[in-house]
Amino acid sequence: TVLALLGAPCAFMGSLAPGHAGDFIA
């Protein structure tokens, strides 16, 4: 989040699970 606000192109790698919380995060 901070890197994006600073203007740096970035990517996240980690695990998520389907559902309301996962959809909100994605």
PDB file of all heavy atoms in Angstrom:
ATOM      1  N   THR A   1       0.833  -1.202   0.000  1.00  0.00           N
ATOM      2  CA  THR A   1       0.000   0.000   0.000  1.00  0.00           C
ATOM      3  C   THR A   1       0.867   1.252   0.000  1.00  0.00           C
ATOM      4  O   THR A   1       0.646   2.192  -0.784  1.00  0.00           O
ATOM      5  CB  THR A   1      -0.929   0.013   1.221  1.00  0.00           C
ATOM      6  OG1 THR A   1      -1.829  -1.096   1.141  1.00  0.00           O
ATOM      7  CG2 THR A   1      -1.736   1.306   1.295  1.00  0.00           C
ATOM      8  N   VAL A   2       1.872   1.270   0.870  1.00  0.00           N
ATOM      9  CA  VAL A   2       2.736   2.445   0.980  1.00  0.00           C
ATOM     10  C   VAL A   2       3.576   2.626  -0.275  1.00  0.00           C
ATOM     11  O   VAL A   2       3.738   3.740  -0.782  1.00  0.00           O
ATOM     12  CB  VAL A   2       3.620   2.332   2.232  1.00  0.00           C
ATOM     13  CG1 VAL A   2       4.609   3.498   2.303  1.00  0.00           C
ATOM     14  CG2 VAL A   2       2.759   2.292   3.494  1.00  0.00           C
ATOM     15  N   LEU A   3       4.118   1.540  -0.803  1.00  0.00           N
ATOM     16  CA  LEU A   3       4.900   1.633  -2.040  1.00  0.00           C
ATOM     17  C   LEU A   3       4.049   2.201  -3.168  1.00  0.00           C
ATOM     18  O   LEU A   3       4.510   3.052  -3.945  1.00  0.00           O
ATOM     19  CB  LEU A   3       5.431   0.250  -2.428  1.00  0.00           C
ATOM     20  CG  LEU A   3       6.597  -0.274  -1.589  1.00  0.00           C
ATOM     21  CD1 LEU A   3       6.806  -1.759  -1.832  1.00  0.00           C
ATOM     22  CD2 LEU A   3       7.876   0.506  -1.899  1.00  0.00           C
ATOM     23  N   ALA A   4       2.798   1.749  -3.272  1.00  0.00           N
ATOM     24  CA  ALA A   4       1.910   2.260  -4.318  1.00  0.00           C
ATOM     25  C   ALA A   4       1.644   3.752  -4.124  1.00  0.00           C
ATOM     26  O   ALA A   4       1.627   4.526  -5.093  1.00  0.00           O
ATOM     27  CB  ALA A   4       0.601   1.477  -4.319  1.00  0.00           C
ATOM     28  N   LEU A   5       1.450   4.174  -2.878  1.00  0.00           N
ATOM     29  CA  LEU A   5       1.218   5.592  -2.610  1.00  0.00           C
ATOM     30  C   LEU A   5       2.449   6.437  -2.936  1.00  0.00           C
ATOM     31  O   LEU A   5       2.330   7.596  -3.348  1.00  0.00           O
ATOM     32  CB  LEU A   5       0.819   5.788  -1.144  1.00  0.00           C
ATOM     33  CG  LEU A   5      -0.586   5.327  -0.770  1.00  0.00           C
ATOM     34  CD1 LEU A   5      -0.767   5.316   0.757  1.00  0.00           C
ATOM     35  CD2 LEU A   5      -1.640   6.229  -1.409  1.00  0.00           C
ATOM     36  N   LEU A   6       3.617   5.848  -2.755  1.00  0.00           N
ATOM     37  CA  LEU A   6       4.866   6.550  -3.089  1.00  0.00           C
ATOM     38  C   LEU A   6       5.138   6.564  -4.589  1.00  0.00           C
ATOM     39  O   LEU A   6       6.051   7.248  -5.043  1.00  0.00           O
ATOM     40  CB  LEU A   6       6.046   5.909  -2.356  1.00  0.00           C
ATOM     41  CG  LEU A   6       6.073   6.079  -0.833  1.00  0.00           C
ATOM     42  CD1 LEU A   6       7.181   5.222  -0.220  1.00  0.00           C
ATOM     43  CD2 LEU A   6       6.269   7.541  -0.456  1.00  0.00           C
ATOM     44  N   GLY A   7       4.371   5.791  -5.341  1.00  0.00           N
ATOM     45  CA  GLY A   7       4.510   5.795  -6.790  1.00  0.00           C
ATOM     46  C   GLY A   7       5.347   4.665  -7.351  1.00  0.00           C
ATOM     47  O   GLY A   7       5.726   4.709  -8.531  1.00  0.00           O
ATOM     48  N   ALA A   8       5.635   3.646  -6.536  1.00  0.00           N
ATOM     49  CA  ALA A   8       6.459   2.528  -7.003  1.00  0.00           C
ATOM     50  C   ALA A   8       5.565   1.412  -7.534  1.00  0.00           C
ATOM     51  O   ALA A   8       4.678   0.941  -6.820  1.00  0.00           O
ATOM     52  CB  ALA A   8       7.317   2.000  -5.869  1.00  0.00           C
ATOM     53  N   PRO A   9       5.785   0.945  -8.750  1.00  0.00           N
ATOM     54  CA  PRO A   9       5.051  -0.227  -9.237  1.00  0.00           C
ATOM     55  C   PRO A   9       5.399  -1.433  -8.365  1.00  0.00           C
ATOM     56  O   PRO A   9       6.575  -1.719  -8.139  1.00  0.00           O
ATOM     57  CB  PRO A   9       5.568  -0.415 -10.667  1.00  0.00           C
ATOM     58  CG  PRO A   9       6.199   0.889 -11.039  1.00  0.00           C
ATOM     59  CD  PRO A   9       6.722   1.472  -9.766  1.00  0.00           C
ATOM     60  N   CYS A  10       4.379  -2.113  -7.855  1.00  0.00           N
ATOM     61  CA  CYS A  10       4.658  -3.209  -6.937  1.00  0.00           C
ATOM     62  C   CYS A  10       3.640  -4.326  -7.094  1.00  0.00           C
ATOM     63  O   CYS A  10       2.573  -4.147  -7.706  1.00  0.00           O
ATOM     64  CB  CYS A  10       4.685  -2.721  -5.487  1.00  0.00           C
ATOM     65  SG  CYS A  10       3.127  -2.015  -4.916  1.00  0.00           S
ATOM     66  N   ALA A  11       3.990  -5.480  -6.530  1.00  0.00           N
ATOM     67  CA  ALA A  11       3.136  -6.659  -6.586  1.00  0.00           C
ATOM     68  C   ALA A  11       3.175  -7.346  -5.234  1.00  0.00           C
ATOM     69  O   ALA A  11       4.154  -7.253  -4.496  1.00  0.00           O
ATOM     70  CB  ALA A  11       3.596  -7.615  -7.685  1.00  0.00           C
ATOM     71  N   PHE A  12       2.091  -8.048  -4.931  1.00  0.00           N
ATOM     72  CA  PHE A  12       2.002  -8.803  -3.686  1.00  0.00           C
ATOM     73  C   PHE A  12       1.956 -10.285  -3.991  1.00  0.00           C
ATOM     74  O   PHE A  12       1.281 -10.722  -4.932  1.00  0.00           O
ATOM     75  CB  PHE A  12       0.754  -8.412  -2.893  1.00  0.00           C
ATOM     76  CG  PHE A  12       0.492  -9.312  -1.710  1.00  0.00           C
ATOM     77  CD1 PHE A  12       1.195  -9.142  -0.540  1.00  0.00           C
ATOM     78  CD2 PHE A  12      -0.441 -10.346  -1.790  1.00  0.00           C
ATOM     79  CE1 PHE A  12       0.983  -9.979   0.553  1.00  0.00           C
ATOM     80  CE2 PHE A  12      -0.665 -11.186  -0.716  1.00  0.00           C
ATOM     81  CZ  PHE A  12       0.046 -11.003   0.463  1.00  0.00           C
ATOM     82  N   MET A  13       2.665 -11.077  -3.174  1.00  0.00           N
ATOM     83  CA  MET A  13       2.585 -12.524  -3.273  1.00  0.00           C
ATOM     84  C   MET A  13       2.304 -13.097  -1.894  1.00  0.00           C
ATOM     85  O   MET A  13       3.056 -12.864  -0.945  1.00  0.00           O
ATOM     86  CB  MET A  13       3.883 -13.112  -3.826  1.00  0.00           C
ATOM     87  CG  MET A  13       3.791 -14.608  -4.067  1.00  0.00           C
ATOM     88  SD  MET A  13       5.252 -15.260  -4.901  1.00  0.00           S
ATOM     89  CE  MET A  13       4.677 -16.905  -5.314  1.00  0.00           C
ATOM     90  N   GLY A  14       1.206 -13.815  -1.782  1.00  0.00           N
ATOM     91  CA  GLY A  14       0.806 -14.424  -0.529  1.00  0.00           C
ATOM     92  C   GLY A  14      -0.454 -15.223  -0.753  1.00  0.00           C
ATOM     93  O   GLY A  14      -0.950 -15.325  -1.883  1.00  0.00           O
ATOM     94  N   SER A  15      -0.997 -15.768   0.310  1.00  0.00           N
ATOM     95  CA  SER A  15      -2.170 -16.631   0.199  1.00  0.00           C
ATOM     96  C   SER A  15      -3.455 -15.898   0.565  1.00  0.00           C
ATOM     97  O   SER A  15      -3.473 -15.045   1.460  1.00  0.00           O
ATOM     98  CB  SER A  15      -2.017 -17.851   1.118  1.00  0.00           C
ATOM     99  OG  SER A  15      -1.010 -18.712   0.654  1.00  0.00           O
ATOM    100  N   LEU A  16      -4.529 -16.271  -0.138  1.00  0.00           N
ATOM    101  CA  LEU A  16      -5.882 -15.811   0.178  1.00  0.00           C
ATOM    102  C   LEU A  16      -6.833 -16.991   0.017  1.00  0.00           C
ATOM    103  O   LEU A  16      -6.526 -17.974  -0.659  1.00  0.00           O
ATOM    104  CB  LEU A  16      -6.312 -14.664  -0.743  1.00  0.00           C
ATOM    105  CG  LEU A  16      -5.898 -13.258  -0.341  1.00  0.00           C
ATOM    106  CD1 LEU A  16      -6.321 -12.246  -1.401  1.00  0.00           C
ATOM    107  CD2 LEU A  16      -6.516 -12.875   1.013  1.00  0.00           C
ATOM    108  N   ALA A  17      -7.997 -16.864   0.632  1.00  0.00           N
ATOM    109  CA  ALA A  17      -9.040 -17.872   0.504  1.00  0.00           C
ATOM    110  C   ALA A  17     -10.300 -17.212  -0.030  1.00  0.00           C
ATOM    111  O   ALA A  17     -10.566 -16.029   0.240  1.00  0.00           O
ATOM    112  CB  ALA A  17      -9.322 -18.526   1.863  1.00  0.00           C
ATOM    113  N   PRO A  18     -11.105 -17.944  -0.807  1.00  0.00           N
ATOM    114  CA  PRO A  18     -12.354 -17.388  -1.325  1.00  0.00           C
ATOM    115  C   PRO A  18     -13.300 -17.001  -0.190  1.00  0.00           C
ATOM    116  O   PRO A  18     -13.274 -17.580   0.889  1.00  0.00           O
ATOM    117  CB  PRO A  18     -12.936 -18.539  -2.154  1.00  0.00           C
ATOM    118  CG  PRO A  18     -11.790 -19.455  -2.432  1.00  0.00           C
ATOM    119  CD  PRO A  18     -10.875 -19.334  -1.261  1.00  0.00           C
ATOM    120  N   GLY A  19     -14.144 -16.008  -0.477  1.00  0.00           N
ATOM    121  CA  GLY A  19     -15.114 -15.562   0.517  1.00  0.00           C
ATOM    122  C   GLY A  19     -15.171 -14.048   0.568  1.00  0.00           C
ATOM    123  O   GLY A  19     -14.464 -13.347  -0.161  1.00  0.00           O
ATOM    124  N   HIS A  20     -16.013 -13.521   1.450  1.00  0.00           N
ATOM    125  CA  HIS A  20     -16.201 -12.075   1.529  1.00  0.00           C
ATOM    126  C   HIS A  20     -14.900 -11.351   1.891  1.00  0.00           C
ATOM    127  O   HIS A  20     -14.570 -10.313   1.305  1.00  0.00           O
ATOM    128  CB  HIS A  20     -17.287 -11.743   2.561  1.00  0.00           C
ATOM    129  CG  HIS A  20     -18.648 -12.232   2.179  1.00  0.00           C
ATOM    130  ND1 HIS A  20     -19.262 -11.867   0.999  1.00  0.00           N
ATOM    131  CD2 HIS A  20     -19.523 -13.056   2.813  1.00  0.00           C
ATOM    132  CE1 HIS A  20     -20.456 -12.439   0.920  1.00  0.00           C
ATOM    133  NE2 HIS A  20     -20.633 -13.178   2.010  1.00  0.00           N
ATOM    134  N   ALA A  21     -14.151 -11.895   2.863  1.00  0.00           N
ATOM    135  CA  ALA A  21     -12.905 -11.230   3.265  1.00  0.00           C
ATOM    136  C   ALA A  21     -11.894 -11.237   2.128  1.00  0.00           C
ATOM    137  O   ALA A  21     -11.241 -10.224   1.848  1.00  0.00           O
ATOM    138  CB  ALA A  21     -12.325 -11.915   4.501  1.00  0.00           C
ATOM    139  N   GLY A  22     -11.743 -12.384   1.457  1.00  0.00           N
ATOM    140  CA  GLY A  22     -10.810 -12.463   0.338  1.00  0.00           C
ATOM    141  C   GLY A  22     -11.187 -11.533  -0.796  1.00  0.00           C
ATOM    142  O   GLY A  22     -10.316 -10.892  -1.407  1.00  0.00           O
ATOM    143  N   ASP A  23     -12.481 -11.453  -1.093  1.00  0.00           N
ATOM    144  CA  ASP A  23     -12.941 -10.554  -2.157  1.00  0.00           C
ATOM    145  C   ASP A  23     -12.661  -9.096  -1.798  1.00  0.00           C
ATOM    146  O   ASP A  23     -12.235  -8.298  -2.643  1.00  0.00           O
ATOM    147  CB  ASP A  23     -14.436 -10.754  -2.402  1.00  0.00           C
ATOM    148  CG  ASP A  23     -14.753 -12.103  -3.023  1.00  0.00           C
ATOM    149  OD1 ASP A  23     -13.831 -12.726  -3.580  1.00  0.00           O
ATOM    150  OD2 ASP A  23     -15.916 -12.537  -2.939  1.00  0.00           O
ATOM    151  N   PHE A  24     -12.906  -8.738  -0.538  1.00  0.00           N
ATOM    152  CA  PHE A  24     -12.653  -7.368  -0.076  1.00  0.00           C
ATOM    153  C   PHE A  24     -11.175  -7.022  -0.215  1.00  0.00           C
ATOM    154  O   PHE A  24     -10.814  -5.944  -0.710  1.00  0.00           O
ATOM    155  CB  PHE A  24     -13.093  -7.231   1.385  1.00  0.00           C
ATOM    156  CG  PHE A  24     -12.659  -5.942   2.037  1.00  0.00           C
ATOM    157  CD1 PHE A  24     -13.391  -4.776   1.862  1.00  0.00           C
ATOM    158  CD2 PHE A  24     -11.511  -5.899   2.822  1.00  0.00           C
ATOM    159  CE1 PHE A  24     -12.979  -3.589   2.465  1.00  0.00           C
ATOM    160  CE2 PHE A  24     -11.097  -4.724   3.424  1.00  0.00           C
ATOM    161  CZ  PHE A  24     -11.832  -3.558   3.233  1.00  0.00           C
ATOM    162  N   ILE A  25     -10.308  -7.944   0.188  1.00  0.00           N
ATOM    163  CA  ILE A  25      -8.869  -7.712   0.133  1.00  0.00           C
ATOM    164  C   ILE A  25      -8.386  -7.584  -1.307  1.00  0.00           C
ATOM    165  O   ILE A  25      -7.622  -6.672  -1.646  1.00  0.00           O
ATOM    166  CB  ILE A  25      -8.129  -8.838   0.875  1.00  0.00           C
ATOM    167  CG1 ILE A  25      -8.341  -8.702   2.377  1.00  0.00           C
ATOM    168  CG2 ILE A  25      -6.649  -8.841   0.535  1.00  0.00           C
ATOM    169  CD1 ILE A  25      -7.876  -9.899   3.188  1.00  0.00           C
ATOM    170  N   ALA A  26      -8.840  -8.500  -2.168  1.00  0.00           N
ATOM    171  CA  ALA A  26      -8.408  -8.465  -3.569  1.00  0.00           C
ATOM    172  C   ALA A  26      -8.849  -7.170  -4.242  1.00  0.00           C
ATOM    173  O   ALA A  26      -8.091  -6.559  -5.011  1.00  0.00           O
ATOM    174  CB  ALA A  26      -8.965  -9.672  -4.311  1.00  0.00           C
TER     175      ALA A  26
END
